[in-house]
Amino acid sequence: MPQVRGHIEALDGLRAIAALMVLVFHVGFESGAALRPGVLGALIATGEIGVPLFFGLSGLLLFRPWVRAALDQTPLPPVRSYLWRRALRVLPAYWIVAVVALLLWSRDHLDSVAAWVEVLTLTFVFNTDPWWVGTGPYGLGQMWSLSVEVFFYALLPVIGLLTVRAAGRAGTGPDARARRMLLCLAAMTALAVLALVPQYYPEPRPYMYSWLPRCMGMFAVGMALAVLGEWAWREGRGSRGDGTADDGPVRRLCRTLPRNATLCWSLAGICFLLAATPGGGPRFAGVHGFWISVVSMATSMAFAFFVIAPVALRAERPGGPPPWRAGGGAWLEALLAHRVMRYLGRISYGIFLWQFVVLYLWRGFTGEDIFEGSFWLDLVPVTLGTLVLADLTHRFVERPSRRWYGRGSDGRRKRPAPRQRPPVN
C-alpha cells in the first residue's frame, strides 16, 4: 500500500531538485546562457519546468485530508487551522526577503503604501500597470509562482468542499466516490485550459501568465495522485461481503509505478527534452500563443506526474531507504532520501526565496550587465550564498514558526486530533 500518512523523506528530495532547477534557470537567464543558441542553452532554459513540481507536490500533500473526508464520509478538515498553518509556513520568511529586496532595489517606492501592501500580500501579480519590469519587483521576480501557490492554498478549501460534495453524490462505495473525484480534477484541468483563452483573446495579456487559473492543471496532477494513494487503501472494500477485497487495478497501478521508477523518470526526461524544443515555447518566462501554451501545459503536467508518481505512491519502508541495488526502482528512493537531499529539501523554501537577492548582489559586485557574464562563474557563488541564507532562514525563521502550528488563529493552543490509521482490507 502507498504511504499516505506521516512524513515522506523522498519528497524532500524532490523539493530540492525543483528548487535547484529553478536556481539554475535564473542564473542562466541573467547571465544570458539560457538565451544562447544550442543544446546547452535550451536545457538551461528548461529549468523553469521545476515550478510544476512545486505545484504538484502542494496538490499531493494538501489535498489528502479532503480525499479522506470524501472516501470515508467523515467531517471536512478544519479550514481555520489549515489556513493558519499555511500562513505560518509561507509568510514570515517571505516577508523578510521581500523587505530586504525592497530596501535594496525599490527605494523610490518605499513611501508608497500600495507598493508595500501588494508586495507583502503577494497580490502584485494582479497589477496590470506595474512599476517594475518583468515578473515582479527587482529581486522578487520568482515570487509570481509563490503568489500562485498562496492563492491555491486559499482556494483549496472551496475546491475540497465542492469535490467532496460531488463525490458524495456518486454512490455509497469509496470506488465510485474516488472516480467522481478524479472526474472533478479532470474538469479543473479543463478549466485551466479555458483560462488560456482570455490570456490571448481578443488581445494578448501577458500578465495573466502569473495568475492561478492557468496553473490549476499542474496542481491537479498532485491532487490526482493523492486520490489514487488513498483509493488504493479502500479499493473494493466489502466487495466480497467479508470486509476484504481482491487486488484491484488501482492497487496494481500504485505498485507498478514505483517499481518502474526508471521508466517513469525516463519518460519525465523525454517531457523535459520536448519542453526544451521550440514547440515548448520561447525561452523567456511565459509562452506566446494559445496552442503553444496548451502544449507547454501538457508537457509540464506530464513531467510532474512521471517525476512525482513513483515517489508519492511508494510503499512505506520501515528502517529507512533501501540499498542502491535493491531493485524495483529502489535506487530512486535511496537517492531522494539521502541525507544531503533531505537537507536540501528542508531548506528548499529558502533556496527559492533568496536566489534572486543573492544573484543580483553577486552580479552587482562583479559589475556584469544583464545577459552577460559567465554562467558557471555565477552559478557556484550564487548557489553557495543562497544555501547559506536558506539554512539561516530555516533555522531562525521557519522552524520557530512551526511552534505556533498547534495554535489557532486566536492564539490558543489546540489539542492534537487522534491519529487514524488508513483502512486495511
Protein backbone atom coordinates (compact mmCIF):
# COMPACT_ATOMS: atom_id res chain seq x y z
CA MET A 1 0.00 0.00 0.00
CA PRO A 2 1.24 3.54 -0.71
CA GLN A 3 2.41 5.56 2.25
CA VAL A 4 -0.30 8.15 2.85
CA ARG A 5 0.49 9.11 6.44
CA GLY A 6 3.47 10.69 8.07
CA HIS A 7 6.49 12.38 6.55
CA ILE A 8 7.81 11.00 3.24
CA GLU A 9 11.50 11.81 3.19
CA ALA A 10 11.90 11.19 -0.53
CA LEU A 11 9.52 14.06 -1.26
CA ASP A 12 12.04 16.38 0.41
CA GLY A 13 14.50 15.28 -2.24
CA LEU A 14 12.02 16.25 -4.96
CA ARG A 15 11.69 19.71 -3.44
CA ALA A 16 15.46 20.04 -3.52
CA ILE A 17 15.58 19.10 -7.19
CA ALA A 18 12.81 21.56 -8.05
CA ALA A 19 14.48 24.41 -6.15
CA LEU A 20 17.86 23.78 -7.77
CA MET A 21 16.31 23.55 -11.25
CA VAL A 22 14.74 26.97 -10.79
CA LEU A 23 18.01 28.37 -9.43
CA VAL A 24 19.94 27.11 -12.46
CA PHE A 25 17.31 28.59 -14.76
CA HIS A 26 17.52 32.03 -13.16
CA VAL A 27 21.31 32.12 -13.18
CA GLY A 28 21.28 31.00 -16.81
CA PHE A 29 18.74 33.63 -17.74
CA GLU A 30 20.52 36.54 -16.07
CA SER A 31 23.91 35.51 -17.50
CA GLY A 32 22.44 35.03 -20.97
CA ALA A 33 23.39 31.34 -21.13
CA ALA A 34 19.74 30.30 -21.32
CA LEU A 35 19.17 32.54 -24.35
CA ARG A 36 22.14 31.45 -26.42
CA PRO A 37 21.54 29.08 -29.33
CA GLY A 38 22.45 25.46 -28.90
CA VAL A 39 21.56 22.46 -26.80
CA LEU A 40 23.07 23.73 -23.54
CA GLY A 41 21.14 26.98 -23.67
CA ALA A 42 17.91 25.12 -24.34
CA LEU A 43 18.46 22.71 -21.44
CA ILE A 44 19.30 25.52 -19.00
CA ALA A 45 16.21 27.45 -20.09
CA THR A 46 14.02 24.41 -19.44
CA GLY A 47 14.93 24.50 -15.75
CA GLU A 48 11.78 26.56 -15.28
CA ILE A 49 9.87 23.29 -15.52
CA GLY A 50 10.83 22.75 -11.89
CA VAL A 51 7.95 25.06 -10.94
CA PRO A 52 5.27 22.47 -11.85
CA LEU A 53 6.99 20.09 -9.42
CA PHE A 54 6.30 22.54 -6.59
CA PHE A 55 2.68 22.85 -7.70
CA GLY A 56 2.23 19.09 -7.98
CA LEU A 57 3.73 18.46 -4.54
CA SER A 58 1.41 21.05 -3.00
CA GLY A 59 -1.61 19.41 -4.58
CA LEU A 60 -0.49 15.97 -3.40
CA LEU A 61 0.16 16.82 0.23
CA LEU A 62 -2.55 19.40 0.91
CA PHE A 63 -5.49 17.70 -0.80
CA ARG A 64 -5.26 14.43 1.13
CA PRO A 65 -7.49 15.47 4.08
CA TRP A 66 -10.33 16.26 1.68
CA VAL A 67 -9.78 12.96 -0.14
CA ARG A 68 -10.12 11.08 3.14
CA ALA A 69 -13.23 13.05 4.04
CA ALA A 70 -14.80 12.14 0.69
CA LEU A 71 -13.86 8.45 0.62
CA ASP A 72 -14.67 7.76 4.29
CA GLN A 73 -17.59 10.22 4.51
CA THR A 74 -16.09 11.89 7.55
CA PRO A 75 -16.17 15.61 8.51
CA LEU A 76 -14.18 18.06 6.43
CA PRO A 77 -10.81 19.21 7.78
CA PRO A 78 -10.94 22.43 9.83
CA VAL A 79 -10.33 25.35 7.50
CA ARG A 80 -9.15 27.85 10.10
CA SER A 81 -6.27 25.73 11.38
CA TYR A 82 -5.33 24.79 7.83
CA LEU A 83 -5.07 28.43 6.74
CA TRP A 84 -3.23 29.33 9.94
CA ARG A 85 -0.55 26.71 9.29
CA ARG A 86 -0.19 27.71 5.64
CA ALA A 87 0.26 31.36 6.60
CA LEU A 88 2.94 30.47 9.17
CA ARG A 89 4.70 28.26 6.64
CA VAL A 90 4.87 30.87 3.89
CA LEU A 91 4.66 34.44 5.11
CA PRO A 92 7.31 35.05 7.83
CA ALA A 93 10.28 34.01 5.67
CA TYR A 94 8.83 35.65 2.58
CA TRP A 95 8.29 38.95 4.39
CA ILE A 96 11.97 39.06 5.39
CA VAL A 97 13.14 38.52 1.81
CA ALA A 98 10.57 40.98 0.42
CA VAL A 99 11.64 43.73 2.83
CA VAL A 100 15.32 43.16 2.00
CA ALA A 101 14.65 43.31 -1.74
CA LEU A 102 12.53 46.45 -1.47
CA LEU A 103 15.11 48.23 0.68
CA LEU A 104 17.90 47.32 -1.72
CA TRP A 105 16.35 47.98 -5.12
CA SER A 106 12.95 49.70 -4.81
CA ARG A 107 13.80 52.72 -2.69
CA ASP A 108 11.82 55.05 -4.95
CA HIS A 109 8.64 53.23 -3.88
CA LEU A 110 9.28 52.86 -0.16
CA ASP A 111 6.86 55.71 0.57
CA SER A 112 4.08 54.00 -1.39
CA VAL A 113 1.60 52.20 0.83
CA ALA A 114 0.12 50.46 -2.19
CA ALA A 115 3.52 49.06 -3.19
CA TRP A 116 4.12 47.66 0.29
CA VAL A 117 0.64 46.16 0.52
CA GLU A 118 0.73 44.43 -2.86
CA VAL A 119 4.22 43.02 -2.24
CA LEU A 120 3.61 41.83 1.33
CA THR A 121 0.27 40.25 0.37
CA LEU A 122 1.65 38.68 -2.85
CA THR A 123 -1.02 40.46 -4.88
CA PHE A 124 1.47 42.39 -7.01
CA VAL A 125 0.90 39.91 -9.86
CA PHE A 126 -2.56 41.43 -10.35
CA ASN A 127 -1.14 44.89 -11.04
CA THR A 128 -1.79 45.31 -14.77
CA ASP A 129 0.22 48.54 -14.88
CA PRO A 130 3.24 47.63 -12.74
CA TRP A 131 6.02 49.92 -11.57
CA TRP A 132 8.62 47.22 -12.23
CA VAL A 133 9.88 45.38 -15.31
CA GLY A 134 9.48 41.63 -15.67
CA THR A 135 7.53 39.22 -13.49
CA GLY A 136 7.91 41.16 -10.23
CA PRO A 137 9.80 43.86 -8.34
CA TYR A 138 13.58 43.68 -8.61
CA GLY A 139 14.84 40.79 -6.53
CA LEU A 140 11.36 39.24 -6.31
CA GLY A 141 10.79 38.14 -9.89
CA GLN A 142 10.35 34.48 -8.95
CA MET A 143 7.62 35.25 -6.42
CA TRP A 144 4.89 35.08 -9.05
CA SER A 145 4.85 31.31 -8.52
CA LEU A 146 4.64 31.78 -4.74
CA SER A 147 1.64 34.03 -5.34
CA VAL A 148 0.07 31.22 -7.37
CA GLU A 149 0.75 28.81 -4.50
CA VAL A 150 -0.74 31.11 -1.88
CA PHE A 151 -3.94 31.69 -3.82
CA PHE A 152 -4.21 27.95 -4.40
CA TYR A 153 -3.91 27.48 -0.63
CA ALA A 154 -6.72 29.98 -0.09
CA LEU A 155 -8.93 28.38 -2.73
CA LEU A 156 -8.29 24.75 -1.76
CA PRO A 157 -10.98 24.59 0.98
CA VAL A 158 -13.55 25.65 -1.63
CA ILE A 159 -12.24 23.14 -4.17
CA GLY A 160 -12.19 20.46 -1.49
CA LEU A 161 -15.75 21.21 -0.40
CA LEU A 162 -17.06 21.06 -3.96
CA THR A 163 -15.25 17.81 -4.79
CA VAL A 164 -16.35 16.16 -1.53
CA ARG A 165 -19.97 17.08 -2.22
CA ALA A 166 -19.72 15.86 -5.81
CA ALA A 167 -18.15 12.62 -4.63
CA GLY A 168 -20.88 12.15 -2.05
CA ARG A 169 -23.49 12.06 -4.81
CA ALA A 170 -21.63 9.32 -6.71
CA GLY A 171 -22.75 6.42 -4.53
CA THR A 172 -22.11 4.64 -1.27
CA GLY A 173 -18.86 2.91 -2.16
CA PRO A 174 -15.40 4.50 -1.98
CA ASP A 175 -14.63 3.35 -5.53
CA ALA A 176 -17.46 5.40 -7.02
CA ARG A 177 -16.54 8.41 -4.89
CA ALA A 178 -12.88 8.20 -5.93
CA ARG A 179 -13.83 8.06 -9.61
CA ARG A 180 -16.02 11.10 -9.16
CA MET A 181 -13.14 12.99 -7.54
CA LEU A 182 -10.87 12.19 -10.49
CA LEU A 183 -13.57 13.48 -12.84
CA CYS A 184 -13.69 16.71 -10.83
CA LEU A 185 -9.93 17.08 -11.19
CA ALA A 186 -10.21 16.47 -14.93
CA ALA A 187 -12.80 19.25 -15.07
CA MET A 188 -10.43 21.51 -13.13
CA THR A 189 -7.73 20.82 -15.71
CA ALA A 190 -10.17 21.66 -18.49
CA LEU A 191 -10.91 24.97 -16.78
CA ALA A 192 -7.16 25.66 -16.70
CA VAL A 193 -7.08 25.22 -20.48
CA LEU A 194 -10.08 27.52 -20.88
CA ALA A 195 -8.30 30.11 -18.73
CA LEU A 196 -5.79 30.46 -21.57
CA VAL A 197 -8.47 31.93 -23.84
CA PRO A 198 -8.71 35.37 -22.13
CA GLN A 199 -4.91 35.34 -21.85
CA TYR A 200 -4.63 35.58 -25.65
CA TYR A 201 -8.05 36.67 -26.98
CA PRO A 202 -9.15 39.17 -28.07
CA GLU A 203 -5.67 40.54 -27.35
CA PRO A 204 -2.60 39.18 -25.52
CA ARG A 205 -2.49 39.75 -21.76
CA PRO A 206 0.99 38.55 -20.67
CA TYR A 207 0.37 39.34 -17.00
CA MET A 208 -2.19 36.50 -16.82
CA TYR A 209 0.69 34.05 -17.11
CA SER A 210 1.32 34.71 -13.41
CA TRP A 211 -2.26 34.04 -12.30
CA LEU A 212 -3.58 30.88 -10.66
CA PRO A 213 -6.18 29.66 -13.20
CA ARG A 214 -3.59 28.77 -15.85
CA CYS A 215 -1.73 26.57 -13.33
CA MET A 216 -4.65 24.61 -11.91
CA GLY A 217 -3.91 21.56 -14.06
CA MET A 218 -0.43 21.30 -12.54
CA PHE A 219 -1.91 21.21 -9.04
CA ALA A 220 -4.45 18.64 -10.28
CA VAL A 221 -1.60 16.22 -11.05
CA GLY A 222 -0.63 16.00 -7.39
CA MET A 223 -4.24 16.00 -6.27
CA ALA A 224 -4.96 13.03 -8.53
CA LEU A 225 -2.02 11.15 -7.03
CA ALA A 226 -3.45 11.86 -3.58
CA VAL A 227 -6.74 10.31 -4.68
CA LEU A 228 -5.00 7.22 -6.09
CA GLY A 229 -2.94 6.67 -2.96
CA GLU A 230 -5.93 6.90 -0.63
CA TRP A 231 -8.15 4.93 -3.02
CA ALA A 232 -5.71 2.02 -3.02
CA TRP A 233 -6.32 1.52 0.71
CA ARG A 234 -10.07 1.37 0.19
CA GLU A 235 -10.45 -0.18 -3.25
CA GLY A 236 -13.24 -2.73 -3.42
CA ARG A 237 -13.84 -2.61 0.33
CA GLY A 238 -16.54 -5.11 1.21
CA SER A 239 -16.89 -6.39 -2.36
CA ARG A 240 -16.60 -9.99 -1.11
CA GLY A 241 -19.01 -9.49 1.75
CA ASP A 242 -16.43 -10.07 4.48
CA GLY A 243 -14.70 -6.68 4.55
CA THR A 244 -11.91 -7.80 2.23
CA ALA A 245 -11.30 -7.22 -1.46
CA ASP A 246 -9.37 -8.66 -4.33
CA ASP A 247 -6.30 -6.93 -5.71
CA GLY A 248 -7.74 -4.20 -7.96
CA PRO A 249 -6.36 -2.09 -10.80
CA VAL A 250 -5.67 0.92 -8.58
CA ARG A 251 -3.51 -1.12 -6.23
CA ARG A 252 -1.68 -2.67 -9.13
CA LEU A 253 -1.06 0.78 -10.62
CA CYS A 254 0.24 2.06 -7.27
CA ARG A 255 2.72 -0.84 -7.20
CA THR A 256 3.69 -0.69 -10.86
CA LEU A 257 4.72 2.97 -11.00
CA PRO A 258 7.21 2.82 -8.08
CA ARG A 259 8.65 -0.49 -9.27
CA ASN A 260 9.22 1.07 -12.68
CA ALA A 261 10.75 4.30 -11.39
CA THR A 262 13.48 4.16 -14.04
CA LEU A 263 10.87 4.09 -16.81
CA CYS A 264 8.87 6.89 -15.17
CA TRP A 265 11.88 9.17 -14.87
CA SER A 266 12.93 8.31 -18.42
CA LEU A 267 9.51 9.46 -19.61
CA ALA A 268 9.91 12.58 -17.49
CA GLY A 269 13.25 13.14 -19.23
CA ILE A 270 11.52 12.91 -22.61
CA CYS A 271 8.99 15.51 -21.45
CA PHE A 272 11.88 17.71 -20.35
CA LEU A 273 13.51 17.43 -23.78
CA LEU A 274 10.20 18.20 -25.51
CA ALA A 275 9.86 21.32 -23.36
CA ALA A 276 13.36 22.34 -24.49
CA THR A 277 12.33 22.37 -28.15
CA PRO A 278 10.73 25.37 -29.89
CA GLY A 279 7.40 23.56 -29.57
CA GLY A 280 7.60 24.16 -25.83
CA GLY A 281 7.57 27.92 -26.32
CA PRO A 282 10.21 30.67 -26.20
CA ARG A 283 12.94 30.74 -23.58
CA PHE A 284 11.67 33.83 -21.81
CA ALA A 285 9.21 33.47 -18.95
CA GLY A 286 5.81 32.68 -20.34
CA VAL A 287 4.77 31.44 -23.75
CA HIS A 288 3.16 33.17 -26.68
CA GLY A 289 0.17 31.69 -28.43
CA PHE A 290 -2.79 29.64 -27.28
CA TRP A 291 -1.79 26.29 -28.78
CA ILE A 292 1.84 26.54 -27.71
CA SER A 293 0.55 27.27 -24.21
CA VAL A 294 -1.60 24.13 -24.33
CA VAL A 295 1.40 22.05 -25.39
CA SER A 296 3.54 23.63 -22.68
CA MET A 297 0.87 22.93 -20.06
CA ALA A 298 0.51 19.29 -21.13
CA THR A 299 4.28 18.80 -21.13
CA SER A 300 4.63 20.34 -17.67
CA MET A 301 1.82 18.19 -16.26
CA ALA A 302 3.29 15.00 -17.74
CA PHE A 303 6.74 15.88 -16.43
CA ALA A 304 5.40 16.49 -12.92
CA PHE A 305 3.37 13.26 -12.97
CA PHE A 306 6.22 10.97 -14.02
CA VAL A 307 8.65 12.58 -11.56
CA ILE A 308 6.32 12.59 -8.54
CA ALA A 309 4.24 9.42 -9.05
CA PRO A 310 6.90 6.75 -8.34
CA VAL A 311 7.79 8.59 -5.13
CA ALA A 312 4.31 9.53 -3.94
CA LEU A 313 2.90 6.01 -4.43
CA ARG A 314 5.82 4.08 -2.96
CA ALA A 315 5.02 1.82 -0.03
CA GLU A 316 6.24 2.73 3.43
CA ARG A 317 9.57 1.08 4.16
CA PRO A 318 10.42 0.74 7.87
CA GLY A 319 14.06 1.16 8.73
CA GLY A 320 14.97 3.82 6.19
CA PRO A 321 15.59 3.80 2.46
CA PRO A 322 16.68 0.61 0.71
CA PRO A 323 20.21 -0.01 -0.62
CA TRP A 324 21.01 1.26 -4.09
CA ARG A 325 21.00 -2.21 -5.66
CA ALA A 326 17.74 -3.37 -4.08
CA GLY A 327 15.94 -3.33 -7.44
CA GLY A 328 12.35 -2.44 -8.23
CA GLY A 329 13.08 1.26 -8.54
CA ALA A 330 14.62 1.41 -5.07
CA TRP A 331 17.53 3.48 -6.42
CA LEU A 332 15.20 6.47 -6.68
CA GLU A 333 14.13 6.27 -3.07
CA ALA A 334 17.75 5.77 -1.99
CA LEU A 335 18.76 8.87 -3.96
CA LEU A 336 16.00 11.17 -2.78
CA ALA A 337 16.12 10.00 0.84
CA HIS A 338 19.88 10.56 1.09
CA ARG A 339 20.74 12.89 3.94
CA VAL A 340 22.15 15.53 1.57
CA MET A 341 18.95 15.56 -0.47
CA ARG A 342 16.84 15.63 2.68
CA TYR A 343 18.83 18.60 3.96
CA LEU A 344 18.44 20.49 0.69
CA GLY A 345 14.75 19.66 0.73
CA ARG A 346 14.33 21.07 4.23
CA ILE A 347 15.85 24.40 3.20
CA SER A 348 14.33 24.37 -0.31
CA TYR A 349 11.88 27.15 0.52
CA GLY A 350 14.76 29.40 1.49
CA ILE A 351 16.62 28.42 -1.68
CA PHE A 352 13.62 29.56 -3.66
CA LEU A 353 13.22 32.80 -1.71
CA TRP A 354 16.79 34.07 -1.61
CA GLN A 355 18.15 33.13 -5.04
CA PHE A 356 17.38 36.39 -6.84
CA VAL A 357 18.63 38.55 -3.97
CA VAL A 358 21.95 36.69 -3.90
CA LEU A 359 22.15 36.64 -7.70
CA TYR A 360 21.69 40.40 -8.04
CA LEU A 361 24.07 41.16 -5.20
CA TRP A 362 26.73 38.98 -6.83
CA ARG A 363 26.24 40.48 -10.27
CA GLY A 364 26.36 43.95 -8.77
CA PHE A 365 29.64 43.04 -7.09
CA THR A 366 31.13 41.75 -10.37
CA GLY A 367 29.70 44.66 -12.38
CA GLU A 368 28.10 42.41 -15.00
CA ASP A 369 25.19 43.65 -17.10
CA ILE A 370 22.12 41.57 -17.77
CA PHE A 371 22.58 38.76 -20.33
CA GLU A 372 26.35 38.99 -19.90
CA GLY A 373 28.95 37.12 -17.88
CA SER A 374 29.86 33.51 -17.23
CA PHE A 375 27.13 31.09 -16.28
CA TRP A 376 29.47 28.77 -14.39
CA LEU A 377 31.31 31.54 -12.53
CA ASP A 378 27.96 32.94 -11.44
CA LEU A 379 26.37 29.60 -10.56
CA VAL A 380 28.87 28.48 -7.92
CA PRO A 381 28.97 31.61 -5.67
CA VAL A 382 25.25 32.28 -6.10
CA THR A 383 24.40 28.70 -5.11
CA LEU A 384 26.68 28.82 -2.07
CA GLY A 385 25.35 32.18 -0.92
CA THR A 386 21.77 31.04 -1.41
CA LEU A 387 22.36 27.86 0.59
CA VAL A 388 23.84 29.82 3.50
CA LEU A 389 20.90 32.24 3.68
CA ALA A 390 18.40 29.41 3.19
CA ASP A 391 19.94 27.49 6.08
CA LEU A 392 19.80 30.54 8.36
CA THR A 393 16.19 31.22 7.37
CA HIS A 394 15.25 27.62 8.09
CA ARG A 395 16.95 27.65 11.50
CA PHE A 396 15.79 31.02 12.77
CA VAL A 397 12.51 31.68 10.97
CA GLU A 398 10.88 28.56 9.57
CA ARG A 399 11.50 26.18 12.46
CA PRO A 400 10.47 28.68 15.18
CA SER A 401 7.29 29.43 13.24
CA ARG A 402 6.29 25.78 13.47
CA ARG A 403 5.93 26.10 17.22
CA TRP A 404 2.74 28.03 16.50
CA TYR A 405 1.30 25.36 14.19
CA GLY A 406 -0.73 23.89 17.02
CA ARG A 407 -2.30 27.24 17.85
CA GLY A 408 -5.40 28.55 16.21
CA SER A 409 -5.74 32.00 14.73
CA ASP A 410 -6.93 33.16 18.18
CA GLY A 411 -3.55 32.20 19.68
CA ARG A 412 -4.93 29.36 21.83
CA ARG A 413 -3.21 26.00 21.93
CA LYS A 414 -5.16 23.27 20.16
CA ARG A 415 -5.19 19.65 21.23
CA PRO A 416 -3.92 17.34 18.51
CA ALA A 417 -6.56 15.22 16.86
CA PRO A 418 -6.21 11.46 17.37
CA ARG A 419 -4.33 9.78 14.54
CA GLN A 420 -6.25 7.30 12.49
CA ARG A 421 -4.60 4.53 10.57
CA PRO A 422 -5.56 4.03 6.91
CA PRO A 423 -8.10 1.25 6.48
CA VAL A 424 -6.63 -2.16 5.71
CA ASN A 425 -8.61 -4.52 3.50
